[in-house]
Amino acid sequence: QVQLVESGGGLVQAGGSLRLSCVASGLSFNSAYVMGWFRQAPGKGREFVSAITWSAGTTTYTDSVTGRFTISRVYAKNTVYLQMNSLKPEDTAVYYCAIDPTGAYYARRRQPDAYRYWGQGTQVTVSS
């Protein structure tokens, strides 16, 4: 049974930082993984934030977080991180991690339907 468990969300003032973690379990090792972070604000759709390829560590970011957020992964821990700096009130959302376990949908990595498994989400609230 595949599980993705996020943690690290919370309440922070504008300009502050948070680091989100996502631990994956129940997967057979496959270096082709693509792992992504999405977010969903109240009343809005699920928005792509960032993605990383498991083997090469190639990263992708949406424009609004480029230069502020950094995605990374630790092989041995089956964990992907999202370091969020210079947070803004508009970053407030529930953040989800997701995985494409085959890497077959890399070209569509900005789309939610490219990912097969999802975590339960972690709330990030940025106050002004």
Protein backbone atom coordinates (compact mmCIF):
# COMPACT_ATOMS: atom_id res chain seq x y z
CA GLN A 1 0.00 0.00 0.00
CA VAL A 2 1.50 3.28 -1.13
CA GLN A 3 1.48 6.10 1.37
CA LEU A 4 2.68 9.67 1.17
CA VAL A 5 2.73 11.55 4.44
CA GLU A 6 3.33 15.29 4.53
CA SER A 7 4.39 17.32 7.52
CA GLY A 8 5.86 20.70 8.36
CA GLY A 9 2.96 23.01 7.69
CA GLY A 10 1.90 25.72 10.09
CA LEU A 11 1.26 29.41 10.67
CA VAL A 12 4.02 31.87 9.81
CA GLN A 13 4.30 35.59 9.29
CA ALA A 14 4.98 37.04 5.87
CA GLY A 15 8.67 36.86 5.10
CA GLY A 16 9.13 33.74 7.19
CA SER A 17 10.11 30.22 6.23
CA LEU A 18 8.77 26.69 6.50
CA ARG A 19 10.10 23.32 5.35
CA LEU A 20 7.61 20.72 4.24
CA SER A 21 8.48 17.02 4.21
CA CYS A 22 6.88 14.14 2.37
CA VAL A 23 7.79 10.55 3.22
CA ALA A 24 6.90 7.86 0.71
CA SER A 25 6.35 4.23 1.68
CA GLY A 26 5.01 1.08 0.09
CA LEU A 27 6.72 1.68 -3.24
CA SER A 28 9.12 -0.62 -4.98
CA PHE A 29 12.31 1.27 -5.65
CA ASN A 30 12.26 2.90 -9.07
CA SER A 31 14.67 5.63 -9.96
CA ALA A 32 12.20 6.95 -12.55
CA TYR A 33 9.96 8.46 -9.87
CA VAL A 34 8.77 12.00 -10.31
CA MET A 35 7.58 13.67 -7.14
CA GLY A 36 5.62 16.87 -7.08
CA TRP A 37 4.22 19.46 -4.72
CA PHE A 38 0.85 21.07 -5.38
CA ARG A 39 -1.24 23.48 -3.36
CA GLN A 40 -4.89 24.34 -3.11
CA ALA A 41 -6.25 27.55 -1.66
CA PRO A 42 -9.90 27.85 -0.57
CA GLY A 43 -12.20 28.10 -3.55
CA LYS A 44 -9.42 27.44 -6.06
CA GLY A 45 -8.16 24.49 -8.03
CA ARG A 46 -5.07 22.46 -7.29
CA GLU A 47 -2.02 24.39 -8.43
CA PHE A 48 1.39 23.01 -9.38
CA VAL A 49 4.23 24.27 -7.21
CA SER A 50 7.31 22.17 -7.94
CA ALA A 51 8.54 18.77 -9.08
CA ILE A 52 11.75 16.75 -8.93
CA THR A 53 12.99 13.65 -10.70
CA TRP A 54 14.19 11.04 -8.25
CA SER A 55 17.31 9.91 -10.08
CA ALA A 56 18.80 13.09 -11.56
CA GLY A 57 17.22 15.57 -9.18
CA THR A 58 16.02 17.73 -12.05
CA THR A 59 13.71 20.41 -10.67
CA THR A 60 10.78 22.41 -11.99
CA TYR A 61 9.04 25.36 -10.34
CA THR A 62 6.03 27.47 -11.05
CA ASP A 63 6.97 31.08 -11.73
CA SER A 64 5.43 32.49 -8.56
CA VAL A 65 7.74 30.49 -6.28
CA THR A 66 10.96 30.52 -8.31
CA GLY A 67 13.77 31.94 -6.22
CA ARG A 68 11.84 31.46 -2.97
CA PHE A 69 11.10 27.72 -2.81
CA THR A 70 13.55 24.82 -3.17
CA ILE A 71 12.61 21.19 -3.73
CA SER A 72 15.01 18.42 -2.81
CA ARG A 73 15.03 14.70 -2.06
CA VAL A 74 16.93 12.29 0.14
CA TYR A 75 17.27 8.84 -1.39
CA ALA A 76 17.92 6.95 1.80
CA LYS A 77 14.89 8.39 3.53
CA ASN A 78 12.46 8.18 0.60
CA THR A 79 11.69 11.78 1.42
CA VAL A 80 11.13 14.91 -0.60
CA TYR A 81 11.34 18.37 0.92
CA LEU A 82 9.99 21.77 -0.01
CA GLN A 83 11.93 24.61 1.60
CA MET A 84 9.79 27.73 1.46
CA ASN A 85 11.40 31.09 2.13
CA SER A 86 10.14 34.67 1.88
CA LEU A 87 6.60 33.43 2.30
CA LYS A 88 3.73 35.63 1.21
CA PRO A 89 0.05 35.64 2.23
CA GLU A 90 -0.82 34.37 -1.26
CA ASP A 91 1.16 31.18 -0.48
CA THR A 92 -1.56 30.23 2.01
CA ALA A 93 -3.00 26.86 0.97
CA VAL A 94 -3.11 23.18 1.71
CA TYR A 95 0.08 21.68 0.27
CA TYR A 96 0.06 18.17 -1.19
CA CYS A 97 2.86 15.94 -2.33
CA ALA A 98 2.30 13.44 -5.09
CA ILE A 99 4.21 10.82 -7.01
CA ASP A 100 4.30 9.51 -10.54
CA PRO A 101 5.88 6.13 -9.76
CA THR A 102 6.89 5.36 -13.32
CA GLY A 103 8.11 8.69 -14.64
CA ALA A 104 5.99 8.09 -17.71
CA TYR A 105 4.16 11.37 -17.30
CA TYR A 106 7.16 13.64 -16.82
CA ALA A 107 6.12 15.85 -19.73
CA ARG A 108 2.87 16.52 -17.87
CA ARG A 109 4.49 17.03 -14.45
CA ARG A 110 2.70 20.37 -13.96
CA GLN A 111 -0.69 18.66 -14.21
CA PRO A 112 -2.33 16.90 -11.24
CA ASP A 113 -3.45 13.99 -13.40
CA ALA A 114 0.18 13.04 -14.06
CA TYR A 115 0.47 11.76 -10.49
CA ARG A 116 -0.96 8.49 -9.27
CA TYR A 117 -0.59 8.78 -5.50
CA TRP A 118 -1.25 11.72 -3.20
CA GLY A 119 -0.68 12.63 0.40
CA GLN A 120 -3.36 13.96 2.73
CA GLY A 121 -2.05 17.53 2.65
CA THR A 122 -0.60 19.95 5.18
CA GLN A 123 -1.93 23.44 5.86
CA VAL A 124 0.33 26.44 5.35
CA THR A 125 -0.99 29.79 6.53
CA VAL A 126 0.97 33.00 5.99
CA SER A 127 -0.25 36.04 7.90
CA SER A 128 0.36 39.58 6.69
